[in-house]
Structures are given as structure tokens and as C-alpha cells.
């Protein structure tokens, strides 16, 4: 499941993830909608932007989703070294916290780590 409130960023990530052979959901733009769709779709992986436009941020949405789905989480943000973010998300045991502007190879490595495999 791909959650990103900046649709163009989400589309770019979606296209590149799919190019590696992974399926992705439609781009979900709010934390509340992510929780709702996760209940229905039961995704295998949560790829979550930390800062979302609505009232529920990515960490809060992931925490709620993890109460009913035991799935890996990959967070991405404009500041992946934010100590407050790392502390807030620690109990969710994210596979990775990635920089939005970082290497796409890091994204694929995190996805492969979440699934325990390699397609590269």
C-alpha cells in the first residue's frame, strides 16, 4: 500500500516500484483513507509518507493499521534522520525510514528486506 499526499511523488514511486515487478495500490493521500483501505485490502507492505495533509500523520496511521494487520512498514520523509520521527516510530519496528529525495535503490532494498527476497 502506497500512502503519499503529493500525488506526483506517489506516481513516480508507484511507477518505479512496479518496474521492479511489485504490485502497488492506487496512491492513497490521507492517513484516514489509508486505515480504511488497509482494513479492506489487507496489503502485504505499508509504504507510508510520514507527513500527510490531513489530521492523521503517517506514523499515527501506521500505528492504527498495525493494530489489525501485522505487516512491515517503510516510512519515507523529507528528513529521514529526524530524531523525533525515529523515536515516535521505534515501537512500529519500521523496515526503513527513507529520504524522499534519496536513492531509489534504497527504496528497492527496503522493499526486498521487507519481503526477505531480492529481485535485483
N, C-alpha and C. Protein backbone atom coordinates (compact mmCIF):
# COMPACT_ATOMS: atom_id res chain seq x y z
N UNK A 1 0.85 -1.17 0.00
CA UNK A 1 0.00 0.00 0.00
C UNK A 1 0.90 1.23 0.00
N UNK A 2 0.63 2.14 -0.91
CA UNK A 2 1.43 3.35 -1.08
C UNK A 2 0.63 4.56 -0.62
N UNK A 3 1.12 5.24 0.43
CA UNK A 3 0.42 6.39 1.00
C UNK A 3 1.33 7.61 0.86
N UNK A 4 0.89 8.58 0.05
CA UNK A 4 1.67 9.79 -0.23
C UNK A 4 0.70 10.90 -0.62
N UNK A 5 0.78 12.02 0.10
CA UNK A 5 -0.16 13.11 -0.20
C UNK A 5 0.27 13.97 -1.37
N UNK A 6 1.50 13.87 -1.81
CA UNK A 6 1.95 14.57 -3.01
C UNK A 6 1.80 13.59 -4.17
N UNK A 7 0.75 13.77 -4.94
CA UNK A 7 0.38 12.79 -5.95
C UNK A 7 1.49 12.54 -6.96
N UNK A 8 2.19 13.58 -7.40
CA UNK A 8 3.28 13.38 -8.38
C UNK A 8 4.40 12.52 -7.80
N UNK A 9 4.75 12.75 -6.55
CA UNK A 9 5.77 11.92 -5.89
C UNK A 9 5.27 10.48 -5.80
N UNK A 10 4.00 10.32 -5.43
CA UNK A 10 3.41 8.99 -5.34
C UNK A 10 3.42 8.27 -6.67
N UNK A 11 3.09 8.99 -7.74
CA UNK A 11 3.07 8.38 -9.07
C UNK A 11 4.46 7.93 -9.50
N UNK A 12 5.47 8.74 -9.19
CA UNK A 12 6.84 8.38 -9.54
C UNK A 12 7.27 7.13 -8.77
N UNK A 13 6.98 7.09 -7.48
CA UNK A 13 7.32 5.92 -6.68
C UNK A 13 6.58 4.68 -7.16
N UNK A 14 5.30 4.84 -7.43
CA UNK A 14 4.49 3.73 -7.90
C UNK A 14 5.04 3.15 -9.20
N UNK A 15 5.37 4.01 -10.12
CA UNK A 15 5.90 3.57 -11.42
C UNK A 15 7.21 2.82 -11.25
N UNK A 16 8.08 3.33 -10.41
CA UNK A 16 9.39 2.70 -10.23
C UNK A 16 9.29 1.38 -9.47
N UNK A 17 8.41 1.33 -8.48
CA UNK A 17 8.21 0.09 -7.73
C UNK A 17 7.64 -0.99 -8.64
N UNK A 18 6.67 -0.60 -9.45
CA UNK A 18 6.08 -1.56 -10.39
C UNK A 18 7.09 -2.04 -11.43
N UNK A 19 8.02 -1.17 -11.81
CA UNK A 19 9.05 -1.55 -12.78
C UNK A 19 9.93 -2.69 -12.25
N UNK A 20 10.00 -2.83 -10.94
CA UNK A 20 10.76 -3.92 -10.32
C UNK A 20 9.90 -5.17 -10.11
N UNK A 21 8.68 -5.16 -10.59
CA UNK A 21 7.84 -6.34 -10.52
C UNK A 21 6.93 -6.41 -9.32
N UNK A 22 6.87 -5.38 -8.52
CA UNK A 22 5.99 -5.36 -7.35
C UNK A 22 4.67 -4.70 -7.71
N UNK A 23 3.59 -5.18 -7.14
CA UNK A 23 2.28 -4.56 -7.30
C UNK A 23 2.13 -3.48 -6.24
N UNK A 24 1.43 -2.41 -6.60
CA UNK A 24 1.13 -1.37 -5.62
C UNK A 24 -0.34 -0.99 -5.75
N UNK A 25 -0.87 -0.49 -4.67
CA UNK A 25 -2.25 0.00 -4.69
C UNK A 25 -2.28 1.32 -5.44
N UNK A 26 -3.49 1.82 -5.62
CA UNK A 26 -3.61 3.20 -6.07
C UNK A 26 -2.97 4.06 -4.99
N UNK A 27 -2.60 5.26 -5.34
CA UNK A 27 -1.98 6.15 -4.37
C UNK A 27 -3.05 6.67 -3.42
N UNK A 28 -2.80 6.47 -2.14
CA UNK A 28 -3.72 6.92 -1.09
C UNK A 28 -3.12 8.20 -0.51
N UNK A 29 -3.93 9.23 -0.34
CA UNK A 29 -3.38 10.54 0.01
C UNK A 29 -3.59 10.99 1.45
N UNK A 30 -4.35 10.24 2.23
CA UNK A 30 -4.57 10.64 3.63
C UNK A 30 -4.39 9.45 4.57
N UNK A 31 -4.06 9.77 5.80
CA UNK A 31 -3.91 8.72 6.81
C UNK A 31 -5.21 8.00 7.10
N UNK A 32 -6.30 8.76 7.19
CA UNK A 32 -7.60 8.14 7.48
C UNK A 32 -8.01 7.19 6.37
N UNK A 33 -7.80 7.59 5.12
CA UNK A 33 -8.14 6.73 3.99
C UNK A 33 -7.23 5.50 3.97
N UNK A 34 -5.99 5.65 4.36
CA UNK A 34 -5.06 4.50 4.42
C UNK A 34 -5.56 3.46 5.41
N UNK A 35 -6.02 3.90 6.57
CA UNK A 35 -6.53 2.98 7.58
C UNK A 35 -7.77 2.26 7.04
N UNK A 36 -8.66 3.03 6.44
CA UNK A 36 -9.89 2.45 5.89
C UNK A 36 -9.58 1.42 4.79
N UNK A 37 -8.70 1.78 3.87
CA UNK A 37 -8.37 0.87 2.76
C UNK A 37 -7.59 -0.34 3.23
N UNK A 38 -6.75 -0.18 4.24
CA UNK A 38 -5.98 -1.32 4.77
C UNK A 38 -6.92 -2.37 5.36
N UNK A 39 -7.99 -1.93 6.00
CA UNK A 39 -8.97 -2.88 6.55
C UNK A 39 -9.60 -3.73 5.44
N UNK A 40 -9.81 -3.13 4.30
CA UNK A 40 -10.46 -3.81 3.18
C UNK A 40 -9.45 -4.61 2.34
N UNK A 41 -8.34 -3.97 1.97
CA UNK A 41 -7.39 -4.57 1.02
C UNK A 41 -6.37 -5.51 1.66
N UNK A 42 -6.10 -5.33 2.94
CA UNK A 42 -5.11 -6.16 3.66
C UNK A 42 -3.80 -6.28 2.88
N UNK A 43 -3.10 -5.15 2.73
CA UNK A 43 -1.85 -5.16 1.95
C UNK A 43 -0.74 -5.96 2.63
N UNK A 44 0.27 -6.32 1.86
CA UNK A 44 1.43 -7.05 2.37
C UNK A 44 2.50 -6.13 2.93
N UNK A 45 2.48 -4.87 2.52
CA UNK A 45 3.51 -3.91 2.90
C UNK A 45 2.89 -2.53 2.95
N UNK A 46 3.32 -1.74 3.92
CA UNK A 46 2.85 -0.36 4.06
C UNK A 46 4.01 0.57 3.75
N UNK A 47 3.87 1.31 2.67
CA UNK A 47 4.88 2.28 2.23
C UNK A 47 4.29 3.65 2.51
N UNK A 48 4.72 4.29 3.60
CA UNK A 48 3.98 5.41 4.18
C UNK A 48 4.81 6.69 4.28
N UNK A 49 4.28 7.76 3.68
CA UNK A 49 4.84 9.09 3.89
C UNK A 49 4.58 9.46 5.36
N UNK A 50 5.52 10.12 5.98
CA UNK A 50 5.36 10.48 7.38
C UNK A 50 4.43 11.68 7.55
N UNK A 51 4.61 12.70 6.74
CA UNK A 51 3.84 13.92 6.91
C UNK A 51 2.74 13.96 5.87
N UNK A 52 1.51 13.76 6.30
CA UNK A 52 0.35 13.76 5.42
C UNK A 52 -0.50 15.00 5.69
N UNK A 53 -1.27 15.40 4.69
CA UNK A 53 -2.00 16.67 4.75
C UNK A 53 -3.18 16.68 5.73
N UNK A 54 -3.80 15.53 5.97
CA UNK A 54 -4.97 15.55 6.85
C UNK A 54 -4.56 15.45 8.32
N UNK A 55 -5.50 15.23 9.20
CA UNK A 55 -5.24 15.23 10.63
C UNK A 55 -4.43 14.06 11.15
N UNK A 56 -4.35 12.97 10.42
CA UNK A 56 -3.60 11.79 10.87
C UNK A 56 -2.31 11.71 10.09
N UNK A 57 -1.17 11.79 10.78
CA UNK A 57 0.09 11.69 10.05
C UNK A 57 0.42 10.22 9.78
N UNK A 58 1.47 9.99 9.03
CA UNK A 58 1.82 8.64 8.62
C UNK A 58 2.16 7.70 9.76
N UNK A 59 2.81 8.21 10.80
CA UNK A 59 3.15 7.37 11.94
C UNK A 59 1.88 6.95 12.67
N UNK A 60 0.97 7.89 12.87
CA UNK A 60 -0.30 7.57 13.53
C UNK A 60 -1.11 6.56 12.71
N UNK A 61 -1.17 6.78 11.40
CA UNK A 61 -1.92 5.87 10.53
C UNK A 61 -1.31 4.48 10.56
N UNK A 62 0.02 4.40 10.47
CA UNK A 62 0.70 3.10 10.51
C UNK A 62 0.45 2.41 11.84
N UNK A 63 0.49 3.16 12.93
CA UNK A 63 0.24 2.58 14.25
C UNK A 63 -1.17 1.99 14.31
N UNK A 64 -2.15 2.69 13.77
CA UNK A 64 -3.52 2.18 13.78
C UNK A 64 -3.64 0.93 12.90
N UNK A 65 -3.03 0.96 11.72
CA UNK A 65 -3.08 -0.19 10.82
C UNK A 65 -2.42 -1.40 11.46
N UNK A 66 -1.33 -1.19 12.16
CA UNK A 66 -0.61 -2.31 12.79
C UNK A 66 -1.42 -2.93 13.93
N UNK A 67 -2.49 -2.29 14.39
CA UNK A 67 -3.32 -2.92 15.42
C UNK A 67 -4.17 -4.05 14.85
N UNK A 68 -4.40 -4.04 13.54
CA UNK A 68 -5.20 -5.11 12.93
C UNK A 68 -4.48 -5.85 11.81
N UNK A 69 -3.31 -5.38 11.38
CA UNK A 69 -2.51 -6.08 10.36
C UNK A 69 -1.05 -6.12 10.79
N UNK A 70 -0.48 -7.29 10.81
CA UNK A 70 0.94 -7.42 11.15
C UNK A 70 1.74 -7.40 9.85
N UNK A 71 2.00 -6.19 9.35
CA UNK A 71 2.72 -6.04 8.09
C UNK A 71 3.93 -5.12 8.27
N UNK A 72 4.95 -5.30 7.43
CA UNK A 72 6.11 -4.41 7.51
C UNK A 72 5.76 -3.00 7.06
N UNK A 73 6.48 -2.03 7.63
CA UNK A 73 6.27 -0.62 7.31
C UNK A 73 7.59 -0.01 6.84
N UNK A 74 7.51 0.73 5.74
CA UNK A 74 8.62 1.55 5.28
C UNK A 74 8.12 2.99 5.30
N UNK A 75 8.79 3.84 6.09
CA UNK A 75 8.44 5.25 6.13
C UNK A 75 9.35 6.01 5.18
N UNK A 76 8.82 7.06 4.57
CA UNK A 76 9.67 7.95 3.82
C UNK A 76 9.29 9.38 4.15
N UNK A 77 10.29 10.23 4.13
CA UNK A 77 10.13 11.60 4.62
C UNK A 77 11.18 12.50 3.98
N UNK A 78 10.99 13.79 4.15
CA UNK A 78 11.99 14.75 3.69
C UNK A 78 13.18 14.83 4.62
N UNK A 79 13.07 14.27 5.81
CA UNK A 79 14.18 14.30 6.78
C UNK A 79 14.26 12.95 7.49
N UNK A 80 14.91 11.99 6.88
CA UNK A 80 14.95 10.63 7.43
C UNK A 80 15.82 10.49 8.67
N UNK A 81 16.56 11.54 9.04
CA UNK A 81 17.39 11.48 10.25
C UNK A 81 16.76 12.24 11.41
N UNK A 82 15.50 12.62 11.29
CA UNK A 82 14.76 13.33 12.31
C UNK A 82 14.66 12.45 13.56
N UNK A 83 15.32 12.85 14.63
CA UNK A 83 15.37 12.04 15.85
C UNK A 83 13.97 11.85 16.46
N UNK A 84 13.13 12.86 16.38
CA UNK A 84 11.78 12.74 16.93
C UNK A 84 10.99 11.69 16.14
N UNK A 85 11.12 11.71 14.82
CA UNK A 85 10.44 10.72 13.99
C UNK A 85 10.93 9.31 14.32
N UNK A 86 12.21 9.15 14.43
CA UNK A 86 12.78 7.84 14.75
C UNK A 86 12.24 7.34 16.09
N UNK A 87 12.19 8.23 17.06
CA UNK A 87 11.69 7.85 18.38
C UNK A 87 10.20 7.50 18.33
N UNK A 88 9.40 8.31 17.63
CA UNK A 88 7.95 8.07 17.53
C UNK A 88 7.61 6.76 16.82
N UNK A 89 8.46 6.36 15.88
CA UNK A 89 8.15 5.18 15.08
C UNK A 89 8.85 3.92 15.56
N UNK A 90 9.70 4.05 16.56
CA UNK A 90 10.51 2.92 17.02
C UNK A 90 9.68 1.69 17.40
N UNK A 91 8.56 1.89 18.09
CA UNK A 91 7.74 0.76 18.52
C UNK A 91 7.06 0.03 17.35
N UNK A 92 7.04 0.66 16.18
CA UNK A 92 6.45 0.03 14.99
C UNK A 92 7.48 -0.82 14.24
N UNK A 93 8.74 -0.75 14.67
CA UNK A 93 9.83 -1.51 14.05
C UNK A 93 9.82 -1.38 12.52
N UNK A 94 9.93 -0.15 12.01
CA UNK A 94 9.91 0.01 10.55
C UNK A 94 11.10 -0.69 9.90
N UNK A 95 10.87 -1.22 8.71
CA UNK A 95 11.95 -1.84 7.94
C UNK A 95 12.98 -0.78 7.61
N UNK A 96 12.51 0.42 7.30
CA UNK A 96 13.41 1.53 6.96
C UNK A 96 12.67 2.84 7.13
N UNK A 97 13.46 3.90 7.34
CA UNK A 97 12.99 5.28 7.26
C UNK A 97 13.85 5.91 6.18
N UNK A 98 13.24 6.21 5.05
CA UNK A 98 13.98 6.65 3.88
C UNK A 98 13.75 8.12 3.57
N UNK A 99 14.74 8.74 2.96
CA UNK A 99 14.65 10.11 2.49
C UNK A 99 13.92 10.12 1.16
N UNK A 100 12.88 10.94 1.03
CA UNK A 100 12.12 11.03 -0.22
C UNK A 100 13.02 11.34 -1.41
N UNK A 101 14.03 12.14 -1.18
CA UNK A 101 14.91 12.55 -2.27
C UNK A 101 16.14 11.66 -2.38
N UNK A 102 16.15 10.58 -1.65
CA UNK A 102 17.29 9.68 -1.66
C UNK A 102 17.29 8.74 -2.85
N UNK A 103 18.20 7.82 -2.82
CA UNK A 103 18.38 6.85 -3.89
C UNK A 103 17.18 5.91 -4.00
N UNK A 104 16.75 5.66 -5.24
CA UNK A 104 15.68 4.69 -5.42
C UNK A 104 16.16 3.29 -5.11
N UNK A 105 17.45 3.03 -5.25
CA UNK A 105 18.00 1.73 -4.88
C UNK A 105 17.72 1.43 -3.41
N UNK A 106 17.76 2.46 -2.56
CA UNK A 106 17.47 2.28 -1.14
C UNK A 106 16.01 1.86 -0.94
N UNK A 107 15.12 2.39 -1.75
CA UNK A 107 13.70 2.02 -1.68
C UNK A 107 13.54 0.54 -2.00
N UNK A 108 14.16 0.11 -3.10
CA UNK A 108 14.04 -1.29 -3.51
C UNK A 108 14.70 -2.22 -2.49
N UNK A 109 15.84 -1.83 -1.95
CA UNK A 109 16.47 -2.65 -0.90
C UNK A 109 15.56 -2.80 0.30
N UNK A 110 14.86 -1.73 0.68
CA UNK A 110 13.94 -1.80 1.82
C UNK A 110 12.76 -2.71 1.51
N UNK A 111 12.22 -2.62 0.29
CA UNK A 111 11.10 -3.49 -0.10
C UNK A 111 11.57 -4.95 -0.08
N UNK A 112 12.75 -5.21 -0.64
CA UNK A 112 13.28 -6.58 -0.66
C UNK A 112 13.51 -7.09 0.76
N UNK A 113 14.00 -6.21 1.63
CA UNK A 113 14.20 -6.61 3.03
C UNK A 113 12.88 -6.94 3.70
N UNK A 114 11.85 -6.15 3.40
CA UNK A 114 10.53 -6.40 3.99
C UNK A 114 9.99 -7.77 3.59
N UNK A 115 10.28 -8.16 2.36
CA UNK A 115 9.77 -9.45 1.85
C UNK A 115 10.80 -10.58 1.98
N UNK A 116 12.01 -10.25 2.45
CA UNK A 116 13.03 -11.28 2.62
C UNK A 116 13.50 -11.89 1.32
N UNK A 117 13.53 -11.08 0.25
CA UNK A 117 13.95 -11.60 -1.04
C UNK A 117 14.68 -10.52 -1.82
N UNK A 118 15.11 -10.88 -3.02
CA UNK A 118 15.78 -9.93 -3.89
C UNK A 118 15.33 -10.18 -5.33
N UNK A 119 14.97 -9.10 -6.00
CA UNK A 119 14.62 -9.19 -7.41
C UNK A 119 15.63 -8.46 -8.28
N UNK A 120 16.64 -7.84 -7.66
CA UNK A 120 17.64 -7.11 -8.43
C UNK A 120 18.83 -7.98 -8.77
